[in-house]
Amino acid sequence: MERKLALLIVCLVAWSMNNAYCQERSYSDIADSVYSALDKKEVGYLLPLMDDSCVISSLPRGMNARVVPLLLAKYPPVKAYKIIAVDKETTGTRVKMEVMYDGGKAAYPDFLLNSGGRIAELNVVKSAALNEHKSAVHVLTAPDTLSLPFIIKDDRVYIKAEVDGRKGLFLLDTGSPEMILNRAYFADSLKLLAANTATEAGAHSKAEGIWMRRVNAFTAGRMRLTNFMSMVMTTGAVGGDGALPFLGSIGYNTLRDFEIRFDIAAGKITLVKTDVLGDYTSQQYRPANITYMGPVEMRRHIPVIMVTIGDQPFRMGIDCSITNTVLFARHKNAVLPFMEHVADVAAERENVQPERIKGTVGKMKIGSLDFNNMPVVVEGNSQVYDGVTDTYPLDGLLGLDFLKSYKTAINFKRKLIYFR
């Protein structure tokens, strides 16, 4: 009996040591990939390991494919690294690294692995600009309801707005978490996020990278946001002209305190102010009769609804910055039997395979509501919406054509969508 007990203890100790060794190897393997990404400036070492909601140095979540290349491009040359600590936390395991620069100085990035083994938090940048971003709390001033006329150019929705005295057009982008300013028109007072510091714009103001800028005031109609940090990126000046230049895009965080109502036929968006529960702040406001109301799942900043084609459900994100309904390529065989007028077309969005097909789906349904003769595009996956790291990947996107079908309202905080 004693011999069996001793043998059992030896086996348990051996298993424990082997398990610990395997875990350490997995941490080391991931740390190797993080270091290789920093060393080679290659996103392929890093993106597949990241959770789709990864927090990158306190920057907006959901922008991995856009933010990571810019961060890596500005990281100083490195020559060696070592793991200095592996700490268990309530939300996962934090791996702390020491990375040596070519010049002999050291940096101390870290990453947090969640229970699924994905990087849920990546801290490779520590700067004053990030501290400003975290401490800045935007202040909203707006009536209980306001109406914003919009302009459609190249099948995209733009509103007129003003930032710190500059007037122009902003793309309405429900697929984006934050406001992003066009660096062509905001090259002043910029701070570049570098490995250990924020560099003031000057000789480097034309360099690529992640730039931040404090916005004193953003005004759209009778809505006014003050005192917040915005990302500033180089972007194509689409949609604007000399009189009304393209100043940037506005996303979820700009509109999160409103129920947003789209009336595409009337050319206007109505914003209804809500409290923390999503209830209207106005006691007098009464919405129009509802044809259908359904649940919305908020995937970070993207409203997601279930759409049925044939008898198959699809998880679709609403992104008013695109035109068609988009289904990702893995669903091609499922949706092809319901498509008519199918043709091959070239890809237009970034991060997708060049081949795609388009056609018309005779009927899509949301609950009991019919959407007839909807233009649909089937194309390759986009890392922004459908990367391999997504916990619950989207099946596709609903764009402007979808919003044209009915008067549509989204209440972010109630997680409801209304059709009228």
Protein backbone atom coordinates (compact mmCIF):
# COMPACT_ATOMS: atom_id res chain seq x y z
CA MET A 1 0.00 0.00 0.00
CA GLU A 2 2.80 2.37 0.94
CA ARG A 3 4.62 1.52 -2.31
CA LYS A 4 1.48 2.32 -4.37
CA LEU A 5 1.01 5.59 -2.50
CA ALA A 6 4.63 6.55 -3.09
CA LEU A 7 4.30 5.68 -6.78
CA LEU A 8 1.14 7.78 -7.03
CA ILE A 9 2.90 10.76 -5.43
CA VAL A 10 5.83 10.41 -7.83
CA CYS A 11 3.43 10.32 -10.80
CA LEU A 12 1.55 13.38 -9.57
CA VAL A 13 4.77 15.32 -9.05
CA ALA A 14 6.00 14.32 -12.51
CA TRP A 15 2.66 15.31 -14.09
CA SER A 16 2.70 18.63 -12.24
CA MET A 17 6.26 19.39 -13.36
CA ASN A 18 5.46 18.41 -16.95
CA ASN A 19 2.29 20.53 -16.92
CA ALA A 20 4.19 23.51 -15.53
CA TYR A 21 6.89 22.99 -18.17
CA CYS A 22 4.27 22.90 -20.96
CA GLN A 23 2.63 26.06 -19.64
CA GLU A 24 6.00 27.79 -19.42
CA ARG A 25 6.73 26.68 -22.98
CA SER A 26 3.42 28.10 -24.18
CA TYR A 27 4.16 31.42 -22.45
CA SER A 28 7.64 31.37 -23.96
CA ASP A 29 6.29 30.59 -27.43
CA ILE A 30 3.85 33.50 -27.28
CA ALA A 31 6.56 35.79 -25.89
CA ASP A 32 8.77 34.68 -28.82
CA SER A 33 6.04 35.76 -31.23
CA VAL A 34 5.56 39.12 -29.49
CA TYR A 35 9.31 39.74 -29.63
CA SER A 36 9.50 38.64 -33.28
CA ALA A 37 6.70 41.07 -34.14
CA LEU A 38 8.60 43.92 -32.42
CA ASP A 39 11.89 42.89 -34.01
CA LYS A 40 10.72 42.23 -37.57
CA LYS A 41 7.81 44.75 -37.64
CA GLU A 42 5.65 41.88 -38.90
CA VAL A 43 1.98 41.76 -37.85
CA GLY A 44 1.68 38.09 -38.81
CA TYR A 45 3.55 37.09 -35.65
CA LEU A 46 1.04 38.90 -33.45
CA LEU A 47 -2.46 39.26 -34.91
CA PRO A 48 -3.34 35.52 -34.90
CA LEU A 49 -2.57 35.37 -31.15
CA MET A 50 -4.77 38.31 -30.16
CA ASP A 51 -8.32 38.20 -28.88
CA ASP A 52 -10.65 40.26 -31.07
CA SER A 53 -11.38 42.49 -28.05
CA CYS A 54 -7.73 42.84 -27.03
CA VAL A 55 -6.88 46.04 -25.15
CA ILE A 56 -3.76 47.48 -26.79
CA SER A 57 -2.11 49.97 -24.44
CA SER A 58 -5.50 51.54 -23.58
CA LEU A 59 -6.26 52.31 -27.24
CA PRO A 60 -9.79 51.69 -28.60
CA ARG A 61 -10.68 48.01 -28.83
CA GLY A 62 -11.68 46.35 -32.07
CA MET A 63 -8.99 47.96 -34.23
CA ASN A 64 -6.26 45.29 -34.04
CA ALA A 65 -5.67 45.07 -37.78
CA ARG A 66 -5.36 48.84 -38.08
CA VAL A 67 -3.50 49.72 -34.88
CA VAL A 68 -0.91 46.93 -34.61
CA PRO A 69 0.94 47.69 -37.90
CA LEU A 70 1.25 51.36 -36.92
CA LEU A 71 2.56 50.48 -33.45
CA LEU A 72 5.13 48.05 -34.80
CA ALA A 73 6.32 50.49 -37.44
CA LYS A 74 7.37 52.97 -34.74
CA TYR A 75 8.87 50.50 -32.26
CA PRO A 76 12.66 51.01 -31.80
CA PRO A 77 15.08 48.29 -32.99
CA VAL A 78 15.38 45.49 -30.43
CA LYS A 79 18.07 42.84 -29.97
CA ALA A 80 17.05 40.52 -27.11
CA TYR A 81 14.35 39.73 -24.58
CA LYS A 82 13.63 37.59 -21.54
CA ILE A 83 10.57 36.73 -19.46
CA ILE A 84 10.96 38.30 -16.02
CA ALA A 85 7.65 37.25 -14.43
CA VAL A 86 4.54 35.14 -14.98
CA ASP A 87 1.75 36.27 -12.65
CA LYS A 88 -1.68 34.74 -12.17
CA GLU A 89 -4.49 37.33 -12.13
CA THR A 90 -8.26 37.04 -11.80
CA THR A 91 -8.75 37.57 -15.54
CA GLY A 92 -5.83 35.47 -16.79
CA THR A 93 -2.05 35.13 -16.71
CA ARG A 94 0.19 38.16 -17.16
CA VAL A 95 3.58 37.60 -18.79
CA LYS A 96 6.11 40.38 -18.17
CA MET A 97 9.07 40.82 -20.49
CA GLU A 98 12.30 42.77 -20.55
CA VAL A 99 13.19 43.86 -24.07
CA MET A 100 16.62 45.31 -24.84
CA TYR A 101 16.97 48.03 -27.46
CA ASP A 102 19.96 48.27 -29.78
CA GLY A 103 21.20 51.26 -27.81
CA GLY A 104 21.40 49.27 -24.58
CA LYS A 105 18.26 50.61 -22.89
CA ALA A 106 15.48 48.31 -21.74
CA ALA A 107 11.68 48.38 -22.05
CA TYR A 108 9.19 46.31 -20.09
CA PRO A 109 6.18 45.30 -22.20
CA ASP A 110 3.68 42.76 -20.92
CA PHE A 111 0.67 40.81 -22.14
CA LEU A 112 -2.29 39.12 -20.48
CA LEU A 113 -3.44 35.70 -21.64
CA ASN A 114 -7.13 34.91 -21.12
CA SER A 115 -8.56 31.48 -20.31
CA GLY A 116 -8.69 30.68 -24.02
CA GLY A 117 -4.96 31.27 -24.44
CA ARG A 118 -5.44 34.49 -26.43
CA ILE A 119 -3.73 37.82 -25.74
CA ALA A 120 -6.47 39.89 -24.09
CA GLU A 121 -4.23 42.81 -23.15
CA LEU A 122 -1.03 44.00 -24.82
CA ASN A 123 1.05 46.78 -23.28
CA VAL A 124 3.90 47.76 -25.57
CA VAL A 125 3.45 51.54 -25.43
CA LYS A 126 3.64 53.72 -22.34
CA SER A 127 3.29 57.42 -22.99
CA ALA A 128 1.87 60.68 -21.75
CA ALA A 129 -0.55 60.73 -24.68
CA LEU A 130 -2.15 57.51 -23.46
CA ASN A 131 -2.51 58.95 -19.97
CA GLU A 132 -4.26 61.95 -21.50
CA HIS A 133 -6.49 59.62 -23.52
CA LYS A 134 -7.53 57.73 -20.38
CA SER A 135 -8.04 60.83 -18.22
CA ALA A 136 -9.97 62.88 -20.79
CA VAL A 137 -13.72 62.56 -20.23
CA HIS A 138 -15.80 63.99 -23.04
CA VAL A 139 -18.61 66.33 -22.05
CA LEU A 140 -21.83 66.14 -24.10
CA THR A 141 -24.16 69.08 -24.58
CA ALA A 142 -27.27 68.36 -26.66
CA PRO A 143 -31.06 68.74 -26.60
CA ASP A 144 -33.24 65.69 -25.92
CA THR A 145 -33.72 65.22 -29.66
CA LEU A 146 -31.95 66.65 -32.68
CA SER A 147 -32.04 66.04 -36.40
CA LEU A 148 -28.94 65.88 -38.58
CA PRO A 149 -29.28 66.08 -42.36
CA PHE A 150 -26.79 63.91 -44.20
CA ILE A 151 -25.15 63.69 -47.59
CA ILE A 152 -24.69 60.44 -49.52
CA LYS A 153 -21.55 60.34 -51.66
CA ASP A 154 -20.26 57.16 -53.26
CA ASP A 155 -22.92 55.24 -51.30
CA ARG A 156 -21.57 56.48 -47.96
CA VAL A 157 -23.31 58.61 -45.35
CA TYR A 158 -21.66 61.91 -44.33
CA ILE A 159 -22.76 64.62 -41.92
CA LYS A 160 -21.57 68.20 -41.70
CA ALA A 161 -19.65 68.96 -38.52
CA GLU A 162 -16.95 71.19 -37.07
CA VAL A 163 -13.84 70.39 -35.02
CA ASP A 164 -11.91 73.23 -33.36
CA GLY A 165 -12.96 75.75 -36.01
CA ARG A 166 -12.52 73.45 -39.01
CA LYS A 167 -15.74 72.72 -40.92
CA GLY A 168 -16.24 69.73 -43.18
CA LEU A 169 -17.72 66.27 -43.66
CA PHE A 170 -17.50 63.29 -41.32
CA LEU A 171 -18.19 59.73 -42.42
CA LEU A 172 -20.81 58.06 -40.24
CA ASP A 173 -19.24 54.71 -39.33
CA THR A 174 -21.13 52.43 -36.93
CA GLY A 175 -18.41 49.83 -37.55
CA SER A 176 -15.78 51.99 -35.81
CA PRO A 177 -15.35 52.43 -32.05
CA GLU A 178 -13.96 55.98 -32.07
CA MET A 179 -13.72 59.26 -33.88
CA ILE A 180 -10.74 59.31 -36.23
CA LEU A 181 -9.47 62.61 -37.62
CA ASN A 182 -7.94 62.98 -41.08
CA ARG A 183 -4.31 64.00 -40.58
CA ALA A 184 -4.37 66.00 -43.81
CA TYR A 185 -6.43 68.62 -41.92
CA PHE A 186 -5.24 68.04 -38.34
CA ALA A 187 -1.45 68.20 -38.34
CA ASP A 188 -1.25 70.52 -35.33
CA SER A 189 -0.74 69.62 -31.65
CA LEU A 190 -0.20 65.94 -32.43
CA LYS A 191 1.46 63.43 -30.12
CA LEU A 192 3.02 60.30 -31.58
CA LEU A 193 2.72 57.13 -29.55
CA ALA A 194 6.23 55.72 -29.36
CA ALA A 195 7.66 52.90 -27.24
CA ASN A 196 8.26 54.92 -24.08
CA THR A 197 7.15 58.46 -24.73
CA ALA A 198 4.90 60.71 -26.75
CA THR A 199 6.78 62.74 -29.36
CA GLU A 200 5.40 66.18 -30.12
CA ALA A 201 4.63 66.78 -33.77
CA GLY A 202 7.30 68.72 -35.57
CA ALA A 203 9.86 67.26 -37.90
CA HIS A 204 8.07 63.92 -37.52
CA SER A 205 4.57 65.20 -38.25
CA LYS A 206 4.52 63.56 -41.70
CA ALA A 207 5.67 60.18 -40.43
CA GLU A 208 3.35 57.20 -40.22
CA GLY A 209 2.29 55.95 -36.81
CA ILE A 210 -0.45 56.36 -34.24
CA TRP A 211 -1.04 60.00 -33.45
CA MET A 212 -3.32 61.47 -30.79
CA ARG A 213 -4.80 64.95 -30.62
CA ARG A 214 -6.86 66.68 -27.96
CA VAL A 215 -10.17 67.93 -29.36
CA ASN A 216 -11.50 71.01 -27.64
CA ALA A 217 -14.91 70.88 -29.33
CA PHE A 218 -16.75 68.75 -31.90
CA THR A 219 -20.06 70.23 -33.08
CA ALA A 220 -22.73 68.63 -35.27
CA GLY A 221 -25.99 70.56 -35.42
CA ARG A 222 -27.01 71.25 -31.81
CA MET A 223 -24.81 68.46 -30.46
CA ARG A 224 -21.47 69.42 -28.92
CA LEU A 225 -18.71 67.21 -27.48
CA THR A 226 -15.80 68.79 -25.64
CA ASN A 227 -12.52 67.76 -24.00
CA PHE A 228 -11.49 64.41 -25.45
CA MET A 229 -8.56 62.75 -27.21
CA SER A 230 -8.96 61.51 -30.78
CA MET A 231 -6.82 59.29 -32.94
CA VAL A 232 -5.42 60.98 -36.05
CA MET A 233 -4.57 58.85 -39.07
CA THR A 234 -3.66 59.26 -42.71
CA THR A 235 -6.73 58.47 -44.77
CA GLY A 236 -7.90 59.02 -48.30
CA ALA A 237 -9.77 62.30 -48.65
CA VAL A 238 -12.87 60.64 -50.08
CA GLY A 239 -16.28 62.25 -49.94
CA GLY A 240 -15.12 65.84 -49.51
CA ASP A 241 -14.28 68.80 -51.70
CA GLY A 242 -12.66 72.20 -51.36
CA ALA A 243 -15.62 73.78 -49.59
CA LEU A 244 -16.36 70.80 -47.33
CA PRO A 245 -13.23 68.66 -46.91
CA PHE A 246 -13.32 65.14 -45.52
CA LEU A 247 -12.27 65.68 -41.88
CA GLY A 248 -12.62 62.13 -40.58
CA SER A 249 -15.12 59.59 -39.30
CA ILE A 250 -17.32 59.26 -36.22
CA GLY A 251 -18.19 55.96 -34.59
CA TYR A 252 -19.84 54.38 -31.58
CA ASN A 253 -18.29 56.49 -28.79
CA THR A 254 -19.44 59.71 -30.45
CA LEU A 255 -23.07 58.50 -30.58
CA ARG A 256 -23.29 56.12 -27.60
CA ASP A 257 -25.50 58.46 -25.54
CA PHE A 258 -28.24 58.52 -28.18
CA GLU A 259 -30.74 56.27 -29.84
CA ILE A 260 -29.84 56.75 -33.49
CA ARG A 261 -32.61 56.73 -36.11
CA PHE A 262 -31.98 56.43 -39.83
CA ASP A 263 -34.48 57.81 -42.33
CA ILE A 264 -32.56 57.37 -45.56
CA ALA A 265 -35.46 58.40 -47.81
CA ALA A 266 -35.85 61.71 -45.94
CA GLY A 267 -32.09 62.30 -45.86
CA LYS A 268 -31.81 62.73 -42.10
CA ILE A 269 -30.64 61.08 -38.90
CA THR A 270 -32.48 61.71 -35.66
CA LEU A 271 -30.59 61.44 -32.37
CA VAL A 272 -32.67 60.85 -29.22
CA LYS A 273 -30.74 61.33 -25.98
CA THR A 274 -30.86 58.39 -23.55
CA ASP A 275 -29.80 57.77 -19.95
CA VAL A 276 -27.53 54.97 -18.72
CA LEU A 277 -30.38 52.44 -19.09
CA GLY A 278 -31.29 53.56 -22.60
CA ASP A 279 -34.47 55.34 -21.52
CA TYR A 280 -35.30 58.65 -23.20
CA THR A 281 -34.28 61.70 -21.18
CA SER A 282 -37.36 63.53 -22.44
CA GLN A 283 -40.65 62.61 -20.75
CA GLN A 284 -42.59 64.18 -23.61
CA TYR A 285 -40.93 62.33 -26.47
CA ARG A 286 -43.11 59.67 -28.09
CA PRO A 287 -41.68 57.46 -30.86
CA ALA A 288 -43.68 56.55 -33.95
CA ASN A 289 -45.45 53.21 -34.21
CA ILE A 290 -43.12 50.23 -34.53
CA THR A 291 -43.48 47.60 -37.27
CA TYR A 292 -41.00 45.22 -35.66
CA MET A 293 -38.66 45.32 -32.66
CA GLY A 294 -35.81 42.85 -32.10
CA PRO A 295 -32.77 42.27 -29.87
CA VAL A 296 -29.30 43.57 -30.64
CA GLU A 297 -26.08 42.01 -29.40
CA MET A 298 -23.33 44.58 -28.95
CA ARG A 299 -20.06 43.09 -30.19
CA ARG A 300 -17.90 45.72 -28.53
CA HIS A 301 -19.07 48.75 -30.54
CA ILE A 302 -20.84 46.93 -33.39
CA PRO A 303 -24.60 46.24 -33.17
CA VAL A 304 -25.24 42.64 -34.26
CA ILE A 305 -28.59 41.11 -35.26
CA MET A 306 -29.70 37.70 -36.49
CA VAL A 307 -30.71 37.51 -40.16
CA THR A 308 -32.27 34.44 -41.78
CA ILE A 309 -31.68 33.44 -45.40
CA GLY A 310 -33.60 30.31 -46.32
CA ASP A 311 -33.63 28.47 -43.02
CA GLN A 312 -30.09 29.43 -41.96
CA PRO A 313 -29.39 32.19 -39.39
CA PHE A 314 -26.46 34.59 -39.80
CA ARG A 315 -24.89 36.92 -37.21
CA MET A 316 -24.69 40.24 -39.03
CA GLY A 317 -23.05 43.45 -37.87
CA ILE A 318 -24.55 46.80 -38.87
CA ASP A 319 -21.96 49.03 -40.55
CA CYS A 320 -23.39 52.07 -42.29
CA SER A 321 -20.00 52.91 -43.83
CA ILE A 322 -20.42 50.15 -46.44
CA THR A 323 -23.02 49.83 -49.21
CA ASN A 324 -24.13 46.23 -49.69
CA THR A 325 -24.99 43.33 -47.47
CA VAL A 326 -21.73 41.37 -47.12
CA LEU A 327 -21.51 37.67 -46.29
CA PHE A 328 -18.08 36.24 -45.57
CA ALA A 329 -16.70 33.60 -47.91
CA ARG A 330 -17.12 30.61 -45.59
CA HIS A 331 -20.90 30.93 -46.17
CA LYS A 332 -20.68 30.96 -49.97
CA ASN A 333 -22.14 27.48 -50.47
CA ALA A 334 -24.95 28.14 -47.98
CA VAL A 335 -26.12 31.37 -49.59
CA LEU A 336 -25.54 30.63 -53.31
CA PRO A 337 -28.82 28.67 -53.76
CA PHE A 338 -30.72 31.82 -52.71
CA MET A 339 -28.79 34.26 -54.94
CA GLU A 340 -29.80 35.45 -58.40
CA HIS A 341 -27.88 37.44 -61.04
CA VAL A 342 -24.55 36.20 -59.64
CA ALA A 343 -21.41 37.81 -61.05
CA ASP A 344 -17.71 38.04 -60.16
CA VAL A 345 -16.43 41.44 -59.03
CA ALA A 346 -13.17 42.82 -57.66
CA ALA A 347 -12.74 43.48 -53.93
CA GLU A 348 -13.14 47.05 -52.70
CA ARG A 349 -12.61 46.82 -48.92
CA GLU A 350 -9.21 46.50 -47.25
CA ASN A 351 -7.93 43.21 -45.77
CA VAL A 352 -10.05 40.96 -47.99
CA GLN A 353 -9.20 38.50 -50.73
CA PRO A 354 -9.34 40.02 -54.23
CA GLU A 355 -12.03 37.65 -55.52
CA ARG A 356 -15.66 38.11 -54.58
CA ILE A 357 -19.11 37.55 -56.06
CA LYS A 358 -22.24 39.66 -55.98
CA GLY A 359 -25.90 38.98 -56.62
CA THR A 360 -29.39 39.46 -55.22
CA VAL A 361 -31.05 37.51 -52.43
CA GLY A 362 -34.81 37.38 -53.01
CA LYS A 363 -35.77 37.37 -49.33
CA MET A 364 -33.98 37.91 -46.04
CA LYS A 365 -35.83 37.91 -42.74
CA ILE A 366 -35.29 39.51 -39.35
CA GLY A 367 -37.87 37.93 -37.10
CA SER A 368 -41.16 38.30 -38.97
CA LEU A 369 -39.92 41.20 -41.11
CA ASP A 370 -39.09 40.65 -44.80
CA PHE A 371 -36.24 42.30 -46.70
CA ASN A 372 -36.79 41.68 -50.40
CA ASN A 373 -34.37 41.69 -53.34
CA MET A 374 -31.32 42.62 -51.28
CA PRO A 375 -27.98 43.17 -53.07
CA VAL A 376 -25.47 40.79 -51.48
CA VAL A 377 -21.71 40.46 -51.83
CA VAL A 378 -19.81 37.32 -50.81
CA GLU A 379 -16.15 38.02 -50.14
CA GLY A 380 -13.11 36.90 -48.16
CA ASN A 381 -12.78 37.45 -44.44
CA SER A 382 -11.74 40.82 -43.08
CA GLN A 383 -9.50 40.82 -40.01
CA VAL A 384 -11.45 43.80 -38.71
CA TYR A 385 -14.67 41.79 -38.40
CA ASP A 386 -13.92 38.13 -38.91
CA GLY A 387 -10.38 37.33 -37.82
CA VAL A 388 -9.29 33.93 -36.59
CA THR A 389 -9.16 35.31 -33.05
CA ASP A 390 -12.85 36.25 -32.87
CA THR A 391 -14.63 34.58 -29.95
CA TYR A 392 -17.98 34.87 -31.74
CA PRO A 393 -17.12 35.77 -35.33
CA LEU A 394 -19.57 37.69 -37.44
CA ASP A 395 -21.04 36.02 -40.50
CA GLY A 396 -21.28 39.27 -42.41
CA LEU A 397 -22.27 42.94 -42.44
CA LEU A 398 -25.37 44.99 -43.20
CA GLY A 399 -24.72 48.29 -44.95
CA LEU A 400 -26.57 51.24 -46.43
CA ASP A 401 -28.84 49.10 -48.64
CA PHE A 402 -30.18 47.43 -45.50
CA LEU A 403 -30.91 50.80 -43.85
CA LYS A 404 -32.83 51.94 -46.95
CA SER A 405 -35.42 49.17 -46.54
CA TYR A 406 -37.15 50.63 -43.45
CA LYS A 407 -36.85 53.55 -41.08
CA THR A 408 -34.43 51.96 -38.62
CA ALA A 409 -33.50 52.91 -35.05
CA ILE A 410 -30.79 51.42 -32.80
CA ASN A 411 -30.78 51.86 -29.03
CA PHE A 412 -27.25 50.87 -27.97
CA LYS A 413 -27.93 50.75 -24.24
CA ARG A 414 -31.24 48.88 -24.42
CA LYS A 415 -29.73 46.60 -27.05
CA LEU A 416 -32.78 46.90 -29.26
CA ILE A 417 -33.43 47.64 -32.93
CA TYR A 418 -36.70 49.10 -34.22
CA PHE A 419 -38.15 49.12 -37.73
CA ARG A 420 -40.92 51.46 -38.83
